[in-house]
Each structure stands twice: as structure tokens, then as C-alpha cells.
Amino acid sequence: MSLINRFISEQGKILSRRINRLTLKQQRLITLAIKQARILSFLPFRNYENEKQFQAQSISIITGSRPRKNRHIPQLTEKYNSNRNLRNYNQNLRNNNRNLSSDC
């Protein structure tokens, strides 16, 4: 069992050939041995203790432990206001042009 445990990660997953530095044939034999050990209950299918710690870490990463700052909101409102001002300016120009053309 100590030999097989060298080829399993903390979460209970089979490590890849690159990490184990095994040939293809050796990796296949190790994979078969690990699967047989799991079926015979020598190894668990999952390592629940490490999985709980892993889930707690991933949840804290996803939710974030610090509050986020709204840095980009002022820039967006400035852009929105500038676009709105530009539209109003263009609308006023069109209205002025209509008034000038109707006077003629």
C-alpha cells in the first residue's frame, strides 16, 4: 500500500505520467493496481478529509475574503454622462438647423 500511495494525490486522484515519471506500460499497471485496491477497499475512492479542506479553500477563493472595491463605476458614469451630453448637443444642433430652415 505504501508503494501505491506514492502515485496518488492528496485528493485521492491518480497522478499523471509526467509527475510519476513512468513509462506508458508502468502507468497502466499502476492504474490497474490502484483501481483494484479501491474495489477491494484497500484504498478509498475519495479522500474526504482532504477534500473538505480543499472545498473550504476553493469556496473562500471564489467568494473572496475581502470586499471588492467599485473602482470602475465613476469612469463608467463619466462616460455615460459625456455620451448623454454629446447626444443632447447633437439634438440641439438639429433643432437649431430645423428652425433656421423653417425661417427661410
PDB file of N, CA and C in Angstrom:
ATOM      1  N   MET A   1       0.826  -1.201   0.000  1.00  0.00           N
ATOM      2  CA  MET A   1       0.000   0.000   0.000  1.00  0.00           C
ATOM      3  C   MET A   1       0.865   1.258   0.000  1.00  0.00           C
ATOM      4  N   SER A   2       2.010   1.231   0.661  1.00  0.00           N
ATOM      5  CA  SER A   2       2.866   2.409   0.682  1.00  0.00           C
ATOM      6  C   SER A   2       3.407   2.714  -0.714  1.00  0.00           C
ATOM      7  N   LEU A   3       3.620   1.656  -1.514  1.00  0.00           N
ATOM      8  CA  LEU A   3       4.079   1.861  -2.882  1.00  0.00           C
ATOM      9  C   LEU A   3       2.978   2.509  -3.723  1.00  0.00           C
ATOM     10  N   ILE A   4       1.750   2.049  -3.558  1.00  0.00           N
ATOM     11  CA  ILE A   4       0.634   2.592  -4.341  1.00  0.00           C
ATOM     12  C   ILE A   4       0.325   4.022  -3.922  1.00  0.00           C
ATOM     13  N   ASN A   5       0.465   4.333  -2.644  1.00  0.00           N
ATOM     14  CA  ASN A   5       0.152   5.679  -2.156  1.00  0.00           C
ATOM     15  C   ASN A   5       1.068   6.746  -2.748  1.00  0.00           C
ATOM     16  N   ARG A   6       2.242   6.357  -3.218  1.00  0.00           N
ATOM     17  CA  ARG A   6       3.150   7.323  -3.839  1.00  0.00           C
ATOM     18  C   ARG A   6       2.596   7.867  -5.148  1.00  0.00           C
ATOM     19  N   PHE A   7       1.671   7.128  -5.788  1.00  0.00           N
ATOM     20  CA  PHE A   7       1.156   7.503  -7.094  1.00  0.00           C
ATOM     21  C   PHE A   7      -0.243   8.118  -7.025  1.00  0.00           C
ATOM     22  N   ILE A   8      -0.663   8.496  -5.815  1.00  0.00           N
ATOM     23  CA  ILE A   8      -1.993   9.079  -5.618  1.00  0.00           C
ATOM     24  C   ILE A   8      -1.830  10.454  -4.993  1.00  0.00           C
ATOM     25  N   SER A   9      -2.654  11.426  -5.448  1.00  0.00           N
ATOM     26  CA  SER A   9      -2.593  12.784  -4.894  1.00  0.00           C
ATOM     27  C   SER A   9      -3.279  12.833  -3.534  1.00  0.00           C
ATOM     28  N   GLU A  10      -3.256  14.001  -2.916  1.00  0.00           N
ATOM     29  CA  GLU A  10      -3.896  14.173  -1.609  1.00  0.00           C
ATOM     30  C   GLU A  10      -5.404  14.019  -1.687  1.00  0.00           C
ATOM     31  N   GLN A  11      -5.977  14.367  -2.834  1.00  0.00           N
ATOM     32  CA  GLN A  11      -7.421  14.226  -3.006  1.00  0.00           C
ATOM     33  C   GLN A  11      -7.833  12.802  -3.392  1.00  0.00           C
ATOM     34  N   GLY A  12      -6.855  11.914  -3.610  1.00  0.00           N
ATOM     35  CA  GLY A  12      -7.165  10.539  -3.970  1.00  0.00           C
ATOM     36  C   GLY A  12      -7.165  10.289  -5.459  1.00  0.00           C
ATOM     37  N   LYS A  13      -6.661  11.233  -6.246  1.00  0.00           N
ATOM     38  CA  LYS A  13      -6.620  11.070  -7.701  1.00  0.00           C
ATOM     39  C   LYS A  13      -5.307  10.422  -8.118  1.00  0.00           C
ATOM     40  N   ILE A  14      -5.357   9.706  -9.235  1.00  0.00           N
ATOM     41  CA  ILE A  14      -4.164   9.077  -9.772  1.00  0.00           C
ATOM     42  C   ILE A  14      -3.321  10.161 -10.448  1.00  0.00           C
ATOM     43  N   LEU A  15      -2.050  10.221 -10.084  1.00  0.00           N
ATOM     44  CA  LEU A  15      -1.162  11.232 -10.660  1.00  0.00           C
ATOM     45  C   LEU A  15      -0.788  10.870 -12.088  1.00  0.00           C
ATOM     46  N   SER A  16      -0.447  11.875 -12.881  1.00  0.00           N
ATOM     47  CA  SER A  16      -0.150  11.652 -14.290  1.00  0.00           C
ATOM     48  C   SER A  16       1.243  11.055 -14.478  1.00  0.00           C
ATOM     49  N   ARG A  17       1.506  10.610 -15.691  1.00  0.00           N
ATOM     50  CA  ARG A  17       2.806  10.020 -16.028  1.00  0.00           C
ATOM     51  C   ARG A  17       3.939  11.022 -15.871  1.00  0.00           C
ATOM     52  N   ARG A  18       3.676  12.267 -16.228  1.00  0.00           N
ATOM     53  CA  ARG A  18       4.721  13.288 -16.135  1.00  0.00           C
ATOM     54  C   ARG A  18       5.174  13.489 -14.699  1.00  0.00           C
ATOM     55  N   ILE A  19       4.231  13.459 -13.782  1.00  0.00           N
ATOM     56  CA  ILE A  19       4.572  13.654 -12.373  1.00  0.00           C
ATOM     57  C   ILE A  19       5.252  12.402 -11.821  1.00  0.00           C
ATOM     58  N   ASN A  20       4.724  11.230 -12.177  1.00  0.00           N
ATOM     59  CA  ASN A  20       5.283   9.975 -11.684  1.00  0.00           C
ATOM     60  C   ASN A  20       6.587   9.588 -12.372  1.00  0.00           C
ATOM     61  N   ARG A  21       6.806  10.113 -13.574  1.00  0.00           N
ATOM     62  CA  ARG A  21       7.968   9.756 -14.394  1.00  0.00           C
ATOM     63  C   ARG A  21       8.004   8.257 -14.677  1.00  0.00           C
ATOM     64  N   LEU A  22       6.857   7.761 -15.156  1.00  0.00           N
ATOM     65  CA  LEU A  22       6.731   6.353 -15.507  1.00  0.00           C
ATOM     66  C   LEU A  22       6.567   6.204 -17.005  1.00  0.00           C
ATOM     67  N   THR A  23       6.845   5.002 -17.481  1.00  0.00           N
ATOM     68  CA  THR A  23       6.568   4.718 -18.881  1.00  0.00           C
ATOM     69  C   THR A  23       5.079   4.448 -19.027  1.00  0.00           C
ATOM     70  N   LEU A  24       4.617   4.357 -20.255  1.00  0.00           N
ATOM     71  CA  LEU A  24       3.190   4.118 -20.502  1.00  0.00           C
ATOM     72  C   LEU A  24       2.754   2.782 -19.918  1.00  0.00           C
ATOM     73  N   LYS A  25       3.570   1.775 -20.103  1.00  0.00           N
ATOM     74  CA  LYS A  25       3.236   0.445 -19.603  1.00  0.00           C
ATOM     75  C   LYS A  25       3.179   0.442 -18.072  1.00  0.00           C
ATOM     76  N   GLN A  26       4.151   1.101 -17.430  1.00  0.00           N
ATOM     77  CA  GLN A  26       4.169   1.168 -15.966  1.00  0.00           C
ATOM     78  C   GLN A  26       2.961   1.933 -15.436  1.00  0.00           C
ATOM     79  N   GLN A  27       2.592   3.029 -16.122  1.00  0.00           N
ATOM     80  CA  GLN A  27       1.450   3.832 -15.689  1.00  0.00           C
ATOM     81  C   GLN A  27       0.165   3.018 -15.769  1.00  0.00           C
ATOM     82  N   ARG A  28       0.021   2.234 -16.835  1.00  0.00           N
ATOM     83  CA  ARG A  28      -1.175   1.381 -16.969  1.00  0.00           C
ATOM     84  C   ARG A  28      -1.242   0.360 -15.840  1.00  0.00           C
ATOM     85  N   LEU A  29      -0.103  -0.247 -15.504  1.00  0.00           N
ATOM     86  CA  LEU A  29      -0.084  -1.222 -14.417  1.00  0.00           C
ATOM     87  C   LEU A  29      -0.406  -0.573 -13.070  1.00  0.00           C
ATOM     88  N   ILE A  30       0.132   0.608 -12.824  1.00  0.00           N
ATOM     89  CA  ILE A  30      -0.161   1.329 -11.577  1.00  0.00           C
ATOM     90  C   ILE A  30      -1.644   1.676 -11.506  1.00  0.00           C
ATOM     91  N   THR A  31      -2.200   2.140 -12.635  1.00  0.00           N
ATOM     92  CA  THR A  31      -3.621   2.494 -12.677  1.00  0.00           C
ATOM     93  C   THR A  31      -4.485   1.285 -12.364  1.00  0.00           C
ATOM     94  N   LEU A  32      -4.150   0.142 -12.957  1.00  0.00           N
ATOM     95  CA  LEU A  32      -4.907  -1.086 -12.666  1.00  0.00           C
ATOM     96  C   LEU A  32      -4.782  -1.472 -11.196  1.00  0.00           C
ATOM     97  N   ALA A  33      -3.569  -1.361 -10.637  1.00  0.00           N
ATOM     98  CA  ALA A  33      -3.360  -1.714  -9.230  1.00  0.00           C
ATOM     99  C   ALA A  33      -4.162  -0.800  -8.311  1.00  0.00           C
ATOM    100  N   ILE A  34      -4.203   0.491  -8.619  1.00  0.00           N
ATOM    101  CA  ILE A  34      -4.960   1.446  -7.796  1.00  0.00           C
ATOM    102  C   ILE A  34      -6.453   1.150  -7.879  1.00  0.00           C
ATOM    103  N   LYS A  35      -6.944   0.885  -9.086  1.00  0.00           N
ATOM    104  CA  LYS A  35      -8.371   0.593  -9.241  1.00  0.00           C
ATOM    105  C   LYS A  35      -8.759  -0.701  -8.534  1.00  0.00           C
ATOM    106  N   GLN A  36      -7.903  -1.710  -8.604  1.00  0.00           N
ATOM    107  CA  GLN A  36      -8.181  -2.960  -7.889  1.00  0.00           C
ATOM    108  C   GLN A  36      -8.154  -2.736  -6.381  1.00  0.00           C
ATOM    109  N   ALA A  37      -7.216  -1.925  -5.896  1.00  0.00           N
ATOM    110  CA  ALA A  37      -7.148  -1.637  -4.462  1.00  0.00           C
ATOM    111  C   ALA A  37      -8.395  -0.890  -4.000  1.00  0.00           C
ATOM    112  N   ARG A  38      -8.920  -0.017  -4.842  1.00  0.00           N
ATOM    113  CA  ARG A  38     -10.158   0.690  -4.487  1.00  0.00           C
ATOM    114  C   ARG A  38     -11.333  -0.276  -4.424  1.00  0.00           C
ATOM    115  N   ILE A  39     -11.411  -1.181  -5.392  1.00  0.00           N
ATOM    116  CA  ILE A  39     -12.523  -2.143  -5.414  1.00  0.00           C
ATOM    117  C   ILE A  39     -12.443  -3.078  -4.210  1.00  0.00           C
ATOM    118  N   LEU A  40     -11.232  -3.476  -3.836  1.00  0.00           N
ATOM    119  CA  LEU A  40     -11.055  -4.371  -2.695  1.00  0.00           C
ATOM    120  C   LEU A  40     -11.079  -3.629  -1.357  1.00  0.00           C
ATOM    121  N   SER A  41     -11.341  -2.323  -1.377  1.00  0.00           N
ATOM    122  CA  SER A  41     -11.455  -1.462  -0.191  1.00  0.00           C
ATOM    123  C   SER A  41     -10.132  -1.279   0.546  1.00  0.00           C
ATOM    124  N   PHE A  42      -9.016  -1.443  -0.145  1.00  0.00           N
ATOM    125  CA  PHE A  42      -7.736  -1.103   0.465  1.00  0.00           C
ATOM    126  C   PHE A  42      -7.493   0.401   0.382  1.00  0.00           C
ATOM    127  N   LEU A  43      -8.064   1.024  -0.623  1.00  0.00           N
ATOM    128  CA  LEU A  43      -7.957   2.473  -0.813  1.00  0.00           C
ATOM    129  C   LEU A  43      -9.356   3.054  -0.936  1.00  0.00           C
ATOM    130  N   PRO A  44      -9.571   4.262  -0.396  1.00  0.00           N
ATOM    131  CA  PRO A  44     -10.875   4.904  -0.613  1.00  0.00           C
ATOM    132  C   PRO A  44     -10.953   5.484  -2.023  1.00  0.00           C
ATOM    133  N   PHE A  45     -12.156   5.609  -2.536  1.00  0.00           N
ATOM    134  CA  PHE A  45     -12.333   6.236  -3.846  1.00  0.00           C
ATOM    135  C   PHE A  45     -12.030   7.728  -3.773  1.00  0.00           C
ATOM    136  N   ARG A  46     -12.331   8.329  -2.618  1.00  0.00           N
ATOM    137  CA  ARG A  46     -12.020   9.735  -2.384  1.00  0.00           C
ATOM    138  C   ARG A  46     -11.444   9.880  -0.988  1.00  0.00           C
ATOM    139  N   ASN A  47     -10.622  10.900  -0.817  1.00  0.00           N
ATOM    140  CA  ASN A  47     -10.099  11.217   0.493  1.00  0.00           C
ATOM    141  C   ASN A  47     -10.926  12.367   1.042  1.00  0.00           C
ATOM    142  N   TYR A  48     -11.948  12.054   1.841  1.00  0.00           N
ATOM    143  CA  TYR A  48     -12.918  13.054   2.266  1.00  0.00           C
ATOM    144  C   TYR A  48     -12.332  14.111   3.187  1.00  0.00           C
ATOM    145  N   GLU A  49     -11.343  13.757   4.023  1.00  0.00           N
ATOM    146  CA  GLU A  49     -10.764  14.739   4.942  1.00  0.00           C
ATOM    147  C   GLU A  49     -10.060  15.848   4.167  1.00  0.00           C
ATOM    148  N   ASN A  50      -9.214  15.465   3.211  1.00  0.00           N
ATOM    149  CA  ASN A  50      -8.513  16.471   2.415  1.00  0.00           C
ATOM    150  C   ASN A  50      -9.466  17.187   1.475  1.00  0.00           C
ATOM    151  N   GLU A  51     -10.517  16.501   1.032  1.00  0.00           N
ATOM    152  CA  GLU A  51     -11.479  17.116   0.122  1.00  0.00           C
ATOM    153  C   GLU A  51     -12.244  18.239   0.816  1.00  0.00           C
ATOM    154  N   LYS A  52     -12.586  18.048   2.096  1.00  0.00           N
ATOM    155  CA  LYS A  52     -13.280  19.106   2.837  1.00  0.00           C
ATOM    156  C   LYS A  52     -12.401  20.342   2.975  1.00  0.00           C
ATOM    157  N   GLN A  53     -11.121  20.134   3.256  1.00  0.00           N
ATOM    158  CA  GLN A  53     -10.197  21.263   3.358  1.00  0.00           C
ATOM    159  C   GLN A  53     -10.053  21.947   2.005  1.00  0.00           C
ATOM    160  N   PHE A  54      -9.966  21.151   0.934  1.00  0.00           N
ATOM    161  CA  PHE A  54      -9.831  21.694  -0.417  1.00  0.00           C
ATOM    162  C   PHE A  54     -11.067  22.503  -0.791  1.00  0.00           C
ATOM    163  N   GLN A  55     -12.270  21.995  -0.454  1.00  0.00           N
ATOM    164  CA  GLN A  55     -13.500  22.721  -0.764  1.00  0.00           C
ATOM    165  C   GLN A  55     -13.567  24.029   0.020  1.00  0.00           C
ATOM    166  N   ALA A  56     -13.155  24.012   1.274  1.00  0.00           N
ATOM    167  CA  ALA A  56     -13.190  25.233   2.076  1.00  0.00           C
ATOM    168  C   ALA A  56     -12.254  26.285   1.489  1.00  0.00           C
ATOM    169  N   GLN A  57     -11.092  25.853   1.012  1.00  0.00           N
ATOM    170  CA  GLN A  57     -10.158  26.803   0.409  1.00  0.00           C
ATOM    171  C   GLN A  57     -10.719  27.345  -0.897  1.00  0.00           C
ATOM    172  N   SER A  58     -11.309  26.463  -1.720  1.00  0.00           N
ATOM    173  CA  SER A  58     -11.826  26.925  -3.007  1.00  0.00           C
ATOM    174  C   SER A  58     -13.030  27.836  -2.822  1.00  0.00           C
ATOM    175  N   ILE A  59     -13.853  27.593  -1.813  1.00  0.00           N
ATOM    176  CA  ILE A  59     -15.002  28.463  -1.552  1.00  0.00           C
ATOM    177  C   ILE A  59     -14.531  29.837  -1.115  1.00  0.00           C
ATOM    178  N   SER A  60     -13.498  29.891  -0.267  1.00  0.00           N
ATOM    179  CA  SER A  60     -13.001  31.199   0.166  1.00  0.00           C
ATOM    180  C   SER A  60     -12.368  31.951  -0.994  1.00  0.00           C
ATOM    181  N   ILE A  61     -11.771  31.222  -1.941  1.00  0.00           N
ATOM    182  CA  ILE A  61     -11.189  31.879  -3.105  1.00  0.00           C
ATOM    183  C   ILE A  61     -12.294  32.425  -4.000  1.00  0.00           C
ATOM    184  N   ILE A  62     -13.367  31.639  -4.193  1.00  0.00           N
ATOM    185  CA  ILE A  62     -14.459  32.063  -5.071  1.00  0.00           C
ATOM    186  C   ILE A  62     -15.212  33.247  -4.476  1.00  0.00           C
ATOM    187  N   THR A  63     -15.584  33.125  -3.188  1.00  0.00           N
ATOM    188  CA  THR A  63     -16.374  34.194  -2.582  1.00  0.00           C
ATOM    189  C   THR A  63     -15.531  35.416  -2.281  1.00  0.00           C
ATOM    190  N   GLY A  64     -14.262  35.202  -2.024  1.00  0.00           N
ATOM    191  CA  GLY A  64     -13.377  36.327  -1.716  1.00  0.00           C
ATOM    192  C   GLY A  64     -13.494  36.707  -0.261  1.00  0.00           C
ATOM    193  N   SER A  65     -12.383  36.830   0.401  1.00  0.00           N
ATOM    194  CA  SER A  65     -12.399  37.145   1.824  1.00  0.00           C
ATOM    195  C   SER A  65     -12.445  38.651   2.079  1.00  0.00           C
ATOM    196  N   ARG A  66     -12.101  39.454   1.077  1.00  0.00           N
ATOM    197  CA  ARG A  66     -12.124  40.901   1.272  1.00  0.00           C
ATOM    198  C   ARG A  66     -13.202  41.509   0.377  1.00  0.00           C
ATOM    199  N   PRO A  67     -13.788  42.617   0.798  1.00  0.00           N
ATOM    200  CA  PRO A  67     -14.809  43.243  -0.048  1.00  0.00           C
ATOM    201  C   PRO A  67     -14.190  43.854  -1.294  1.00  0.00           C
ATOM    202  N   ARG A  68     -14.929  43.809  -2.367  1.00  0.00           N
ATOM    203  CA  ARG A  68     -14.433  44.362  -3.627  1.00  0.00           C
ATOM    204  C   ARG A  68     -14.671  45.858  -3.671  1.00  0.00           C
ATOM    205  N   LYS A  69     -13.769  46.545  -4.333  1.00  0.00           N
ATOM    206  CA  LYS A  69     -13.912  47.987  -4.490  1.00  0.00           C
ATOM    207  C   LYS A  69     -14.503  48.261  -5.865  1.00  0.00           C
ATOM    208  N   ASN A  70     -15.410  49.216  -5.917  1.00  0.00           N
ATOM    209  CA  ASN A  70     -16.017  49.599  -7.190  1.00  0.00           C
ATOM    210  C   ASN A  70     -15.180  50.703  -7.813  1.00  0.00           C
ATOM    211  N   ARG A  71     -14.080  50.314  -8.431  1.00  0.00           N
ATOM    212  CA  ARG A  71     -13.157  51.291  -8.995  1.00  0.00           C
ATOM    213  C   ARG A  71     -13.651  51.856 -10.322  1.00  0.00           C
ATOM    214  N   HIS A  72     -14.335  51.035 -11.082  1.00  0.00           N
ATOM    215  CA  HIS A  72     -14.645  51.416 -12.454  1.00  0.00           C
ATOM    216  C   HIS A  72     -15.976  52.151 -12.598  1.00  0.00           C
ATOM    217  N   ILE A  73     -16.754  52.204 -11.568  1.00  0.00           N
ATOM    218  CA  ILE A  73     -18.068  52.831 -11.673  1.00  0.00           C
ATOM    219  C   ILE A  73     -17.972  54.322 -11.979  1.00  0.00           C
ATOM    220  N   PRO A  74     -17.095  55.121 -11.326  1.00  0.00           N
ATOM    221  CA  PRO A  74     -17.026  56.541 -11.697  1.00  0.00           C
ATOM    222  C   PRO A  74     -16.640  56.753 -13.157  1.00  0.00           C
ATOM    223  N   GLN A  75     -15.747  55.906 -13.679  1.00  0.00           N
ATOM    224  CA  GLN A  75     -15.361  56.047 -15.079  1.00  0.00           C
ATOM    225  C   GLN A  75     -16.544  55.753 -15.990  1.00  0.00           C
ATOM    226  N   LEU A  76     -17.339  54.767 -15.640  1.00  0.00           N
ATOM    227  CA  LEU A  76     -18.492  54.440 -16.465  1.00  0.00           C
ATOM    228  C   LEU A  76     -19.527  55.554 -16.431  1.00  0.00           C
ATOM    229  N   THR A  77     -19.746  56.142 -15.257  1.00  0.00           N
ATOM    230  CA  THR A  77     -20.732  57.215 -15.186  1.00  0.00           C
ATOM    231  C   THR A  77     -20.246  58.448 -15.939  1.00  0.00           C
ATOM    232  N   GLU A  78     -18.947  58.715 -15.881  1.00  0.00           N
ATOM    233  CA  GLU A  78     -18.420  59.844 -16.653  1.00  0.00           C
ATOM    234  C   GLU A  78     -18.609  59.611 -18.148  1.00  0.00           C
ATOM    235  N   LYS A  79     -18.353  58.384 -18.573  1.00  0.00           N
ATOM    236  CA  LYS A  79     -18.519  58.057 -19.989  1.00  0.00           C
ATOM    237  C   LYS A  79     -19.984  58.194 -20.386  1.00  0.00           C
ATOM    238  N   TYR A  80     -20.873  57.698 -19.512  1.00  0.00           N
ATOM    239  CA  TYR A  80     -22.300  57.788 -19.802  1.00  0.00           C
ATOM    240  C   TYR A  80     -22.735  59.244 -19.881  1.00  0.00           C
ATOM    241  N   ASN A  81     -22.272  60.055 -18.928  1.00  0.00           N
ATOM    242  CA  ASN A  81     -22.636  61.468 -18.932  1.00  0.00           C
ATOM    243  C   ASN A  81     -22.087  62.181 -20.163  1.00  0.00           C
ATOM    244  N   SER A  82     -20.856  61.853 -20.557  1.00  0.00           N
ATOM    245  CA  SER A  82     -20.291  62.511 -21.728  1.00  0.00           C
ATOM    246  C   SER A  82     -21.062  62.107 -22.984  1.00  0.00           C
ATOM    247  N   ASN A  83     -21.465  60.847 -23.086  1.00  0.00           N
ATOM    248  CA  ASN A  83     -22.267  60.417 -24.232  1.00  0.00           C
ATOM    249  C   ASN A  83     -23.631  61.100 -24.239  1.00  0.00           C
ATOM    250  N   ARG A  84     -24.220  61.222 -23.057  1.00  0.00           N
ATOM    251  CA  ARG A  84     -25.521  61.880 -22.962  1.00  0.00           C
ATOM    252  C   ARG A  84     -25.401  63.355 -23.335  1.00  0.00           C
ATOM    253  N   ASN A  85     -24.331  63.999 -22.867  1.00  0.00           N
ATOM    254  CA  ASN A  85     -24.116  65.405 -23.229  1.00  0.00           C
ATOM    255  C   ASN A  85     -23.911  65.559 -24.726  1.00  0.00           C
ATOM    256  N   LEU A  86     -23.190  64.642 -25.334  1.00  0.00           N
ATOM    257  CA  LEU A  86     -22.960  64.692 -26.774  1.00  0.00           C
ATOM    258  C   LEU A  86     -24.263  64.517 -27.546  1.00  0.00           C
ATOM    259  N   ARG A  87     -25.106  63.607 -27.080  1.00  0.00           N
ATOM    260  CA  ARG A  87     -26.415  63.412 -27.734  1.00  0.00           C
ATOM    261  C   ARG A  87     -27.284  64.663 -27.610  1.00  0.00           C
ATOM    262  N   ASN A  88     -27.261  65.249 -26.412  1.00  0.00           N
ATOM    263  CA  ASN A  88     -28.050  66.473 -26.226  1.00  0.00           C
ATOM    264  C   ASN A  88     -27.538  67.600 -27.122  1.00  0.00           C
ATOM    265  N   TYR A  89     -26.234  67.708 -27.239  1.00  0.00           N
ATOM    266  CA  TYR A  89     -25.632  68.732 -28.089  1.00  0.00           C
ATOM    267  C   TYR A  89     -26.036  68.522 -29.551  1.00  0.00           C
ATOM    268  N   ASN A  90     -25.953  67.290 -30.015  1.00  0.00           N
ATOM    269  CA  ASN A  90     -26.354  66.985 -31.397  1.00  0.00           C
ATOM    270  C   ASN A  90     -27.838  67.252 -31.626  1.00  0.00           C
ATOM    271  N   GLN A  91     -28.648  66.920 -30.631  1.00  0.00           N
ATOM    272  CA  GLN A  91     -30.094  67.167 -30.745  1.00  0.00           C
ATOM    273  C   GLN A  91     -30.369  68.675 -30.843  1.00  0.00           C
ATOM    274  N   ASN A  92     -29.662  69.472 -30.052  1.00  0.00           N
ATOM    275  CA  ASN A  92     -29.838  70.919 -30.108  1.00  0.00           C
ATOM    276  C   ASN A  92     -29.412  71.489 -31.451  1.00  0.00           C
ATOM    277  N   LEU A  93     -28.310  70.963 -32.005  1.00  0.00           N
ATOM    278  CA  LEU A  93     -27.865  71.418 -33.327  1.00  0.00           C
ATOM    279  C   LEU A  93     -28.920  71.123 -34.391  1.00  0.00           C
ATOM    280  N   ARG A  94     -29.489  69.927 -34.350  1.00  0.00           N
ATOM    281  CA  ARG A  94     -30.528  69.564 -35.328  1.00  0.00           C
ATOM    282  C   ARG A  94     -31.751  70.464 -35.190  1.00  0.00           C
ATOM    283  N   ASN A  95     -32.119  70.723 -33.937  1.00  0.00           N
ATOM    284  CA  ASN A  95     -33.279  71.601 -33.725  1.00  0.00           C
ATOM    285  C   ASN A  95     -33.009  73.014 -34.239  1.00  0.00           C
ATOM    286  N   ASN A  96     -31.799  73.499 -34.001  1.00  0.00           N
ATOM    287  CA  ASN A  96     -31.435  74.836 -34.483  1.00  0.00           C
ATOM    288  C   ASN A  96     -31.440  74.876 -36.006  1.00  0.00           C
ATOM    289  N   ASN A  97     -30.920  73.832 -36.636  1.00  0.00           N
ATOM    290  CA  ASN A  97     -30.912  73.778 -38.090  1.00  0.00           C
ATOM    291  C   ASN A  97     -32.332  73.735 -38.658  1.00  0.00           C
ATOM    292  N   ARG A  98     -33.227  73.039 -37.996  1.00  0.00           N
ATOM    293  CA  ARG A  98     -34.624  72.973 -38.440  1.00  0.00           C
ATOM    294  C   ARG A  98     -35.276  74.349 -38.322  1.00  0.00           C
ATOM    295  N   ASN A  99     -34.962  75.002 -37.191  1.00  0.00           N
ATOM    296  CA  ASN A  99     -35.535  76.330 -37.004  1.00  0.00           C
ATOM    297  C   ASN A  99     -35.027  77.299 -38.055  1.00  0.00           C
ATOM    298  N   LEU A 100     -33.753  77.221 -38.396  1.00  0.00           N
ATOM    299  CA  LEU A 100     -33.189  78.106 -39.411  1.00  0.00           C
ATOM    300  C   LEU A 100     -33.789  77.812 -40.780  1.00  0.00           C
ATOM    301  N   SER A 101     -33.975  76.572 -41.097  1.00  0.00           N
ATOM    302  CA  SER A 101     -34.515  76.223 -42.415  1.00  0.00           C
ATOM    303  C   SER A 101     -35.991  76.602 -42.532  1.00  0.00           C
ATOM    304  N   SER A 102     -36.720  76.534 -41.426  1.00  0.00           N
ATOM    305  CA  SER A 102     -38.132  76.891 -41.468  1.00  0.00           C
ATOM    306  C   SER A 102     -38.325  78.423 -41.577  1.00  0.00           C
ATOM    307  N   ASP A 103     -37.360  79.195 -41.081  1.00  0.00           N
ATOM    308  CA  ASP A 103     -37.438  80.646 -41.163  1.00  0.00           C
ATOM    309  C   ASP A 103     -37.254  81.133 -42.597  1.00  0.00           C
ATOM    310  N   CYS A 104     -36.552  80.378 -43.420  1.00  0.00           N
ATOM    311  CA  CYS A 104     -36.264  80.823 -44.773  1.00  0.00           C
ATOM    312  C   CYS A 104     -37.407  80.686 -45.672  1.00  0.00           C
TER     313      CYS A 104
END
